[in-house]
């Protein structure tokens, strides 16, 4: 039947659906500045794991985890969303979380009956987690893992990175996703920070990259 889902679903399966590559938020269209870094030959098959590790620890991985937790904790989602937007270091980073967040909100309204609109991606996810009482730390782990998988797939389209090596990188970074999820359990918006300057600059410079195949 059409309309919002009424029957409770296993929370793990709900998270798996929300954070799968097939969920229609367009994650395949974004590289988080990696397209520019690869064009500059800063990121290569030999260095991509280190680059992504730094982004997880010092950049949008850690900050997104904090934003998800803030939105899931019951804070005013509009306040968290305004913070998320203000914290974006570049226009393309804002585009990334704004467009994916709007699409995520569309799905929450249509299929889960959650009245949200135009929230950034991590904030929208946090709101959905709170409404359905989903396991928060697991959700943060899966969100970070989904991001790693998406950007590694982007790298495969941009350089000579084979399937086996790509999967090795995703597996190697999986423990870090769990580590960050655990580290952020007691953190708040006051702990937001970013030290991934090279990645931020690459995202800024991507605006003028030509030709390009990703939106960011």
C-alpha atoms as a PDB file:
ATOM      1  CA  UNK A   1       0.000   0.000   0.000  1.00  0.00           C
ATOM      2  CA  UNK A   2       1.123   3.546  -0.659  1.00  0.00           C
ATOM      3  CA  UNK A   3       1.804   5.988   2.163  1.00  0.00           C
ATOM      4  CA  UNK A   4       4.061   6.087   5.226  1.00  0.00           C
ATOM      5  CA  UNK A   5       5.333   2.810   6.648  1.00  0.00           C
ATOM      6  CA  UNK A   6       3.198   1.816   9.626  1.00  0.00           C
ATOM      7  CA  UNK A   7       4.640  -1.565  10.620  1.00  0.00           C
ATOM      8  CA  UNK A   8       7.837  -1.317  12.727  1.00  0.00           C
ATOM      9  CA  UNK A   9      10.915  -2.560  10.898  1.00  0.00           C
ATOM     10  CA  UNK A  10      14.049  -4.045  12.426  1.00  0.00           C
ATOM     11  CA  UNK A  11      16.151  -0.946  13.266  1.00  0.00           C
ATOM     12  CA  UNK A  12      19.264  -2.415  11.673  1.00  0.00           C
ATOM     13  CA  UNK A  13      17.392  -2.981   8.426  1.00  0.00           C
ATOM     14  CA  UNK A  14      16.043   0.581   8.499  1.00  0.00           C
ATOM     15  CA  UNK A  15      19.562   1.963   8.888  1.00  0.00           C
ATOM     16  CA  UNK A  16      20.834  -0.384   6.179  1.00  0.00           C
ATOM     17  CA  UNK A  17      18.162   0.966   3.845  1.00  0.00           C
ATOM     18  CA  UNK A  18      18.767   4.622   4.693  1.00  0.00           C
ATOM     19  CA  UNK A  19      22.547   4.328   4.298  1.00  0.00           C
ATOM     20  CA  UNK A  20      22.708   1.991   1.324  1.00  0.00           C
ATOM     21  CA  UNK A  21      24.063   3.147  -2.065  1.00  0.00           C
ATOM     22  CA  UNK A  22      20.572   2.625  -3.482  1.00  0.00           C
ATOM     23  CA  UNK A  23      18.874   5.147  -1.193  1.00  0.00           C
ATOM     24  CA  UNK A  24      17.910   8.055  -3.484  1.00  0.00           C
ATOM     25  CA  UNK A  25      19.969  10.948  -2.142  1.00  0.00           C
ATOM     26  CA  UNK A  26      22.455  11.068  -5.037  1.00  0.00           C
ATOM     27  CA  UNK A  27      25.558  10.181  -3.005  1.00  0.00           C
ATOM     28  CA  UNK A  28      27.232   8.866  -6.176  1.00  0.00           C
ATOM     29  CA  UNK A  29      27.416  12.430  -7.551  1.00  0.00           C
ATOM     30  CA  UNK A  30      29.773  13.793  -4.871  1.00  0.00           C
ATOM     31  CA  UNK A  31      33.491  13.272  -4.280  1.00  0.00           C
ATOM     32  CA  UNK A  32      34.044  15.616  -1.282  1.00  0.00           C
ATOM     33  CA  UNK A  33      36.816  17.423  -3.150  1.00  0.00           C
ATOM     34  CA  UNK A  34      38.673  14.236  -4.073  1.00  0.00           C
ATOM     35  CA  UNK A  35      38.199  14.877  -7.789  1.00  0.00           C
ATOM     36  CA  UNK A  36      40.322  18.047  -7.449  1.00  0.00           C
ATOM     37  CA  UNK A  37      42.906  16.359  -5.205  1.00  0.00           C
ATOM     38  CA  UNK A  38      43.259  13.513  -7.705  1.00  0.00           C
ATOM     39  CA  UNK A  39      43.536  15.962 -10.612  1.00  0.00           C
ATOM     40  CA  UNK A  40      46.336  17.711  -8.692  1.00  0.00           C
ATOM     41  CA  UNK A  41      48.023  14.300  -8.168  1.00  0.00           C
ATOM     42  CA  UNK A  42      47.938  14.895  -4.416  1.00  0.00           C
ATOM     43  CA  UNK A  43      45.774  11.811  -3.929  1.00  0.00           C
ATOM     44  CA  UNK A  44      46.918   8.631  -5.645  1.00  0.00           C
ATOM     45  CA  UNK A  45      46.055   4.949  -5.172  1.00  0.00           C
ATOM     46  CA  UNK A  46      48.919   4.822  -2.666  1.00  0.00           C
ATOM     47  CA  UNK A  47      47.726   7.811  -0.587  1.00  0.00           C
ATOM     48  CA  UNK A  48      43.932   7.698  -0.755  1.00  0.00           C
ATOM     49  CA  UNK A  49      43.607   5.675   2.457  1.00  0.00           C
ATOM     50  CA  UNK A  50      45.641   8.224   4.439  1.00  0.00           C
ATOM     51  CA  UNK A  51      43.659  11.116   2.902  1.00  0.00           C
ATOM     52  CA  UNK A  52      40.338   9.567   3.876  1.00  0.00           C
ATOM     53  CA  UNK A  53      41.627   8.697   7.333  1.00  0.00           C
ATOM     54  CA  UNK A  54      42.483  12.359   7.907  1.00  0.00           C
ATOM     55  CA  UNK A  55      39.080  13.471   6.644  1.00  0.00           C
ATOM     56  CA  UNK A  56      37.403  11.059   9.048  1.00  0.00           C
ATOM     57  CA  UNK A  57      39.502  12.007  12.074  1.00  0.00           C
ATOM     58  CA  UNK A  58      39.990  15.721  11.483  1.00  0.00           C
ATOM     59  CA  UNK A  59      37.334  16.809   8.992  1.00  0.00           C
ATOM     60  CA  UNK A  60      33.769  16.121   7.964  1.00  0.00           C
ATOM     61  CA  UNK A  61      33.759  12.604   9.426  1.00  0.00           C
ATOM     62  CA  UNK A  62      34.122  13.799  13.000  1.00  0.00           C
ATOM     63  CA  UNK A  63      31.957  16.895  12.506  1.00  0.00           C
ATOM     64  CA  UNK A  64      29.124  14.964  10.852  1.00  0.00           C
ATOM     65  CA  UNK A  65      29.148  12.433  13.692  1.00  0.00           C
ATOM     66  CA  UNK A  66      28.736  15.263  16.208  1.00  0.00           C
ATOM     67  CA  UNK A  67      25.937  16.852  14.170  1.00  0.00           C
ATOM     68  CA  UNK A  68      24.057  13.555  13.891  1.00  0.00           C
ATOM     69  CA  UNK A  69      24.265  13.080  17.645  1.00  0.00           C
ATOM     70  CA  UNK A  70      23.124  16.648  18.351  1.00  0.00           C
ATOM     71  CA  UNK A  71      20.070  16.287  16.120  1.00  0.00           C
ATOM     72  CA  UNK A  72      19.244  12.865  17.572  1.00  0.00           C
ATOM     73  CA  UNK A  73      19.542  14.125  21.147  1.00  0.00           C
ATOM     74  CA  UNK A  74      16.410  16.236  20.924  1.00  0.00           C
ATOM     75  CA  UNK A  75      17.986  19.639  20.273  1.00  0.00           C
ATOM     76  CA  UNK A  76      16.043  22.014  18.059  1.00  0.00           C
ATOM     77  CA  UNK A  77      16.827  20.602  14.585  1.00  0.00           C
ATOM     78  CA  UNK A  78      16.742  24.070  13.034  1.00  0.00           C
ATOM     79  CA  UNK A  79      19.402  25.268  15.464  1.00  0.00           C
ATOM     80  CA  UNK A  80      21.595  22.245  14.715  1.00  0.00           C
ATOM     81  CA  UNK A  81      20.993  22.746  11.000  1.00  0.00           C
ATOM     82  CA  UNK A  82      22.044  26.389  11.127  1.00  0.00           C
ATOM     83  CA  UNK A  83      25.235  25.335  12.897  1.00  0.00           C
ATOM     84  CA  UNK A  84      25.886  22.659  10.268  1.00  0.00           C
ATOM     85  CA  UNK A  85      25.513  25.184   7.459  1.00  0.00           C
ATOM     86  CA  UNK A  86      27.671  27.808   9.167  1.00  0.00           C
ATOM     87  CA  UNK A  87      30.395  25.238   9.803  1.00  0.00           C
ATOM     88  CA  UNK A  88      30.765  24.346   6.102  1.00  0.00           C
ATOM     89  CA  UNK A  89      34.215  25.487   4.915  1.00  0.00           C
ATOM     90  CA  UNK A  90      33.223  25.822   1.245  1.00  0.00           C
ATOM     91  CA  UNK A  91      30.263  26.363  -1.054  1.00  0.00           C
ATOM     92  CA  UNK A  92      30.614  22.835  -2.401  1.00  0.00           C
ATOM     93  CA  UNK A  93      30.606  21.276   1.060  1.00  0.00           C
ATOM     94  CA  UNK A  94      27.355  23.137   1.735  1.00  0.00           C
ATOM     95  CA  UNK A  95      25.947  21.917  -1.582  1.00  0.00           C
ATOM     96  CA  UNK A  96      26.873  18.351  -0.644  1.00  0.00           C
ATOM     97  CA  UNK A  97      25.055  18.240   2.676  1.00  0.00           C
ATOM     98  CA  UNK A  98      22.193  20.503   1.572  1.00  0.00           C
ATOM     99  CA  UNK A  99      21.193  18.596  -1.570  1.00  0.00           C
ATOM    100  CA  UNK A 100      21.562  15.161  -0.008  1.00  0.00           C
ATOM    101  CA  UNK A 101      19.741  16.338   3.103  1.00  0.00           C
ATOM    102  CA  UNK A 102      16.788  17.671   1.113  1.00  0.00           C
ATOM    103  CA  UNK A 103      16.490  14.347  -0.705  1.00  0.00           C
ATOM    104  CA  UNK A 104      16.728  12.444   2.577  1.00  0.00           C
ATOM    105  CA  UNK A 105      13.966  14.595   4.072  1.00  0.00           C
ATOM    106  CA  UNK A 106      11.766  13.827   1.074  1.00  0.00           C
ATOM    107  CA  UNK A 107      12.092  10.110   1.800  1.00  0.00           C
ATOM    108  CA  UNK A 108      11.446  10.509   5.523  1.00  0.00           C
ATOM    109  CA  UNK A 109       8.212  12.370   4.808  1.00  0.00           C
ATOM    110  CA  UNK A 110       6.995  10.089   2.034  1.00  0.00           C
ATOM    111  CA  UNK A 111       7.834   6.679   3.485  1.00  0.00           C
ATOM    112  CA  UNK A 112       8.148   7.120   7.260  1.00  0.00           C
ATOM    113  CA  UNK A 113       5.711   9.950   7.908  1.00  0.00           C
ATOM    114  CA  UNK A 114       8.340  12.155   9.584  1.00  0.00           C
ATOM    115  CA  UNK A 115       7.549  15.832   9.047  1.00  0.00           C
ATOM    116  CA  UNK A 116      10.951  17.288   8.138  1.00  0.00           C
ATOM    117  CA  UNK A 117      12.078  19.437   5.245  1.00  0.00           C
ATOM    118  CA  UNK A 118      15.250  21.078   3.948  1.00  0.00           C
ATOM    119  CA  UNK A 119      17.633  19.919   6.653  1.00  0.00           C
ATOM    120  CA  UNK A 120      21.272  19.172   5.931  1.00  0.00           C
ATOM    121  CA  UNK A 121      22.099  15.490   5.569  1.00  0.00           C
ATOM    122  CA  UNK A 122      23.614  14.684   8.997  1.00  0.00           C
ATOM    123  CA  UNK A 123      20.900  16.692  10.753  1.00  0.00           C
ATOM    124  CA  UNK A 124      18.118  14.995   8.790  1.00  0.00           C
ATOM    125  CA  UNK A 125      19.571  11.603   9.646  1.00  0.00           C
ATOM    126  CA  UNK A 126      19.733  12.547  13.330  1.00  0.00           C
ATOM    127  CA  UNK A 127      16.089  13.626  13.296  1.00  0.00           C
ATOM    128  CA  UNK A 128      15.066  10.359  11.648  1.00  0.00           C
ATOM    129  CA  UNK A 129      17.028   8.371  14.224  1.00  0.00           C
ATOM    130  CA  UNK A 130      15.286  10.201  17.076  1.00  0.00           C
ATOM    131  CA  UNK A 131      11.797   9.759  15.620  1.00  0.00           C
ATOM    132  CA  UNK A 132      12.221   6.001  15.109  1.00  0.00           C
ATOM    133  CA  UNK A 133      14.371   5.456  18.208  1.00  0.00           C
ATOM    134  CA  UNK A 134      17.133   3.815  16.180  1.00  0.00           C
ATOM    135  CA  UNK A 135      20.491   2.817  17.735  1.00  0.00           C
ATOM    136  CA  UNK A 136      22.513   6.016  17.594  1.00  0.00           C
ATOM    137  CA  UNK A 137      26.088   4.780  17.795  1.00  0.00           C
ATOM    138  CA  UNK A 138      25.385   2.108  15.206  1.00  0.00           C
ATOM    139  CA  UNK A 139      23.844   4.750  12.957  1.00  0.00           C
ATOM    140  CA  UNK A 140      26.949   6.951  13.217  1.00  0.00           C
ATOM    141  CA  UNK A 141      29.174   3.975  12.399  1.00  0.00           C
ATOM    142  CA  UNK A 142      27.081   3.093   9.370  1.00  0.00           C
ATOM    143  CA  UNK A 143      26.888   6.695   8.181  1.00  0.00           C
ATOM    144  CA  UNK A 144      30.678   7.054   8.232  1.00  0.00           C
ATOM    145  CA  UNK A 145      31.131   3.668   6.583  1.00  0.00           C
ATOM    146  CA  UNK A 146      28.651   4.622   3.842  1.00  0.00           C
ATOM    147  CA  UNK A 147      30.568   7.848   3.210  1.00  0.00           C
ATOM    148  CA  UNK A 148      33.874   5.961   2.930  1.00  0.00           C
ATOM    149  CA  UNK A 149      32.345   3.471   0.505  1.00  0.00           C
ATOM    150  CA  UNK A 150      30.872   6.272  -1.625  1.00  0.00           C
ATOM    151  CA  UNK A 151      34.073   8.298  -1.936  1.00  0.00           C
ATOM    152  CA  UNK A 152      36.184   5.195  -2.567  1.00  0.00           C
ATOM    153  CA  UNK A 153      33.783   4.341  -5.392  1.00  0.00           C
ATOM    154  CA  UNK A 154      34.293   7.883  -6.700  1.00  0.00           C
ATOM    155  CA  UNK A 155      38.054   7.333  -6.619  1.00  0.00           C
ATOM    156  CA  UNK A 156      37.638   4.198  -8.729  1.00  0.00           C
ATOM    157  CA  UNK A 157      36.048   6.349 -11.428  1.00  0.00           C
ATOM    158  CA  UNK A 158      38.864   8.899 -11.273  1.00  0.00           C
ATOM    159  CA  UNK A 159      42.056   6.841 -11.114  1.00  0.00           C
ATOM    160  CA  UNK A 160      43.502   3.363 -11.477  1.00  0.00           C
ATOM    161  CA  UNK A 161      42.064   1.911  -8.289  1.00  0.00           C
ATOM    162  CA  UNK A 162      40.937  -1.675  -8.701  1.00  0.00           C
ATOM    163  CA  UNK A 163      37.976  -3.324  -7.016  1.00  0.00           C
ATOM    164  CA  UNK A 164      40.045  -5.480  -4.685  1.00  0.00           C
ATOM    165  CA  UNK A 165      42.205  -2.583  -3.489  1.00  0.00           C
ATOM    166  CA  UNK A 166      39.112  -0.383  -3.135  1.00  0.00           C
ATOM    167  CA  UNK A 167      37.466  -2.941  -0.875  1.00  0.00           C
ATOM    168  CA  UNK A 168      40.682  -3.321   1.128  1.00  0.00           C
ATOM    169  CA  UNK A 169      40.628   0.435   1.808  1.00  0.00           C
ATOM    170  CA  UNK A 170      36.992   0.362   2.909  1.00  0.00           C
ATOM    171  CA  UNK A 171      37.715  -2.571   5.227  1.00  0.00           C
ATOM    172  CA  UNK A 172      40.851  -0.905   6.600  1.00  0.00           C
ATOM    173  CA  UNK A 173      38.915   2.271   7.484  1.00  0.00           C
ATOM    174  CA  UNK A 174      35.960   0.457   9.049  1.00  0.00           C
ATOM    175  CA  UNK A 175      37.525   0.295  12.547  1.00  0.00           C
ATOM    176  CA  UNK A 176      38.102   4.048  12.397  1.00  0.00           C
ATOM    177  CA  UNK A 177      34.392   4.568  11.696  1.00  0.00           C
ATOM    178  CA  UNK A 178      33.618   2.638  14.878  1.00  0.00           C
ATOM    179  CA  UNK A 179      36.291   4.546  16.799  1.00  0.00           C
ATOM    180  CA  UNK A 180      34.878   7.934  15.826  1.00  0.00           C
ATOM    181  CA  UNK A 181      31.346   6.807  16.658  1.00  0.00           C
ATOM    182  CA  UNK A 182      32.536   5.891  20.149  1.00  0.00           C
ATOM    183  CA  UNK A 183      34.615   9.057  20.596  1.00  0.00           C
ATOM    184  CA  UNK A 184      31.656  11.315  19.838  1.00  0.00           C
ATOM    185  CA  UNK A 185      29.281   9.742  22.369  1.00  0.00           C
ATOM    186  CA  UNK A 186      29.957  12.540  24.870  1.00  0.00           C
ATOM    187  CA  UNK A 187      30.662  15.379  22.429  1.00  0.00           C
ATOM    188  CA  UNK A 188      28.423  18.340  21.671  1.00  0.00           C
ATOM    189  CA  UNK A 189      28.254  21.144  19.122  1.00  0.00           C
ATOM    190  CA  UNK A 190      30.851  22.978  21.218  1.00  0.00           C
ATOM    191  CA  UNK A 191      33.343  20.306  20.137  1.00  0.00           C
ATOM    192  CA  UNK A 192      32.958  20.970  16.413  1.00  0.00           C
ATOM    193  CA  UNK A 193      36.332  21.526  14.767  1.00  0.00           C
ATOM    194  CA  UNK A 194      38.109  20.857  11.481  1.00  0.00           C
ATOM    195  CA  UNK A 195      41.778  20.387  10.747  1.00  0.00           C
ATOM    196  CA  UNK A 196      41.570  18.839   7.251  1.00  0.00           C
ATOM    197  CA  UNK A 197      42.757  21.991   5.517  1.00  0.00           C
ATOM    198  CA  UNK A 198      44.068  20.309   2.362  1.00  0.00           C
ATOM    199  CA  UNK A 199      40.732  18.581   1.808  1.00  0.00           C
ATOM    200  CA  UNK A 200      38.843  21.829   2.421  1.00  0.00           C
ATOM    201  CA  UNK A 201      41.020  23.723  -0.062  1.00  0.00           C
ATOM    202  CA  UNK A 202      40.584  20.954  -2.638  1.00  0.00           C
ATOM    203  CA  UNK A 203      36.807  21.264  -2.225  1.00  0.00           C
ATOM    204  CA  UNK A 204      37.024  25.036  -2.745  1.00  0.00           C
ATOM    205  CA  UNK A 205      39.170  24.702  -5.864  1.00  0.00           C
ATOM    206  CA  UNK A 206      36.871  22.053  -7.338  1.00  0.00           C
ATOM    207  CA  UNK A 207      34.349  24.782  -8.178  1.00  0.00           C
ATOM    208  CA  UNK A 208      36.484  25.789 -11.172  1.00  0.00           C
ATOM    209  CA  UNK A 209      37.817  22.364 -12.200  1.00  0.00           C
ATOM    210  CA  UNK A 210      37.187  21.627 -15.862  1.00  0.00           C
ATOM    211  CA  UNK A 211      36.296  19.081 -17.007  1.00  0.00           C
ATOM    212  CA  UNK A 212      34.742  17.372 -14.022  1.00  0.00           C
ATOM    213  CA  UNK A 213      32.250  14.573 -13.452  1.00  0.00           C
ATOM    214  CA  UNK A 214      31.277  15.129  -9.802  1.00  0.00           C
ATOM    215  CA  UNK A 215      29.297  17.983  -8.273  1.00  0.00           C
ATOM    216  CA  UNK A 216      31.849  18.423  -5.479  1.00  0.00           C
END
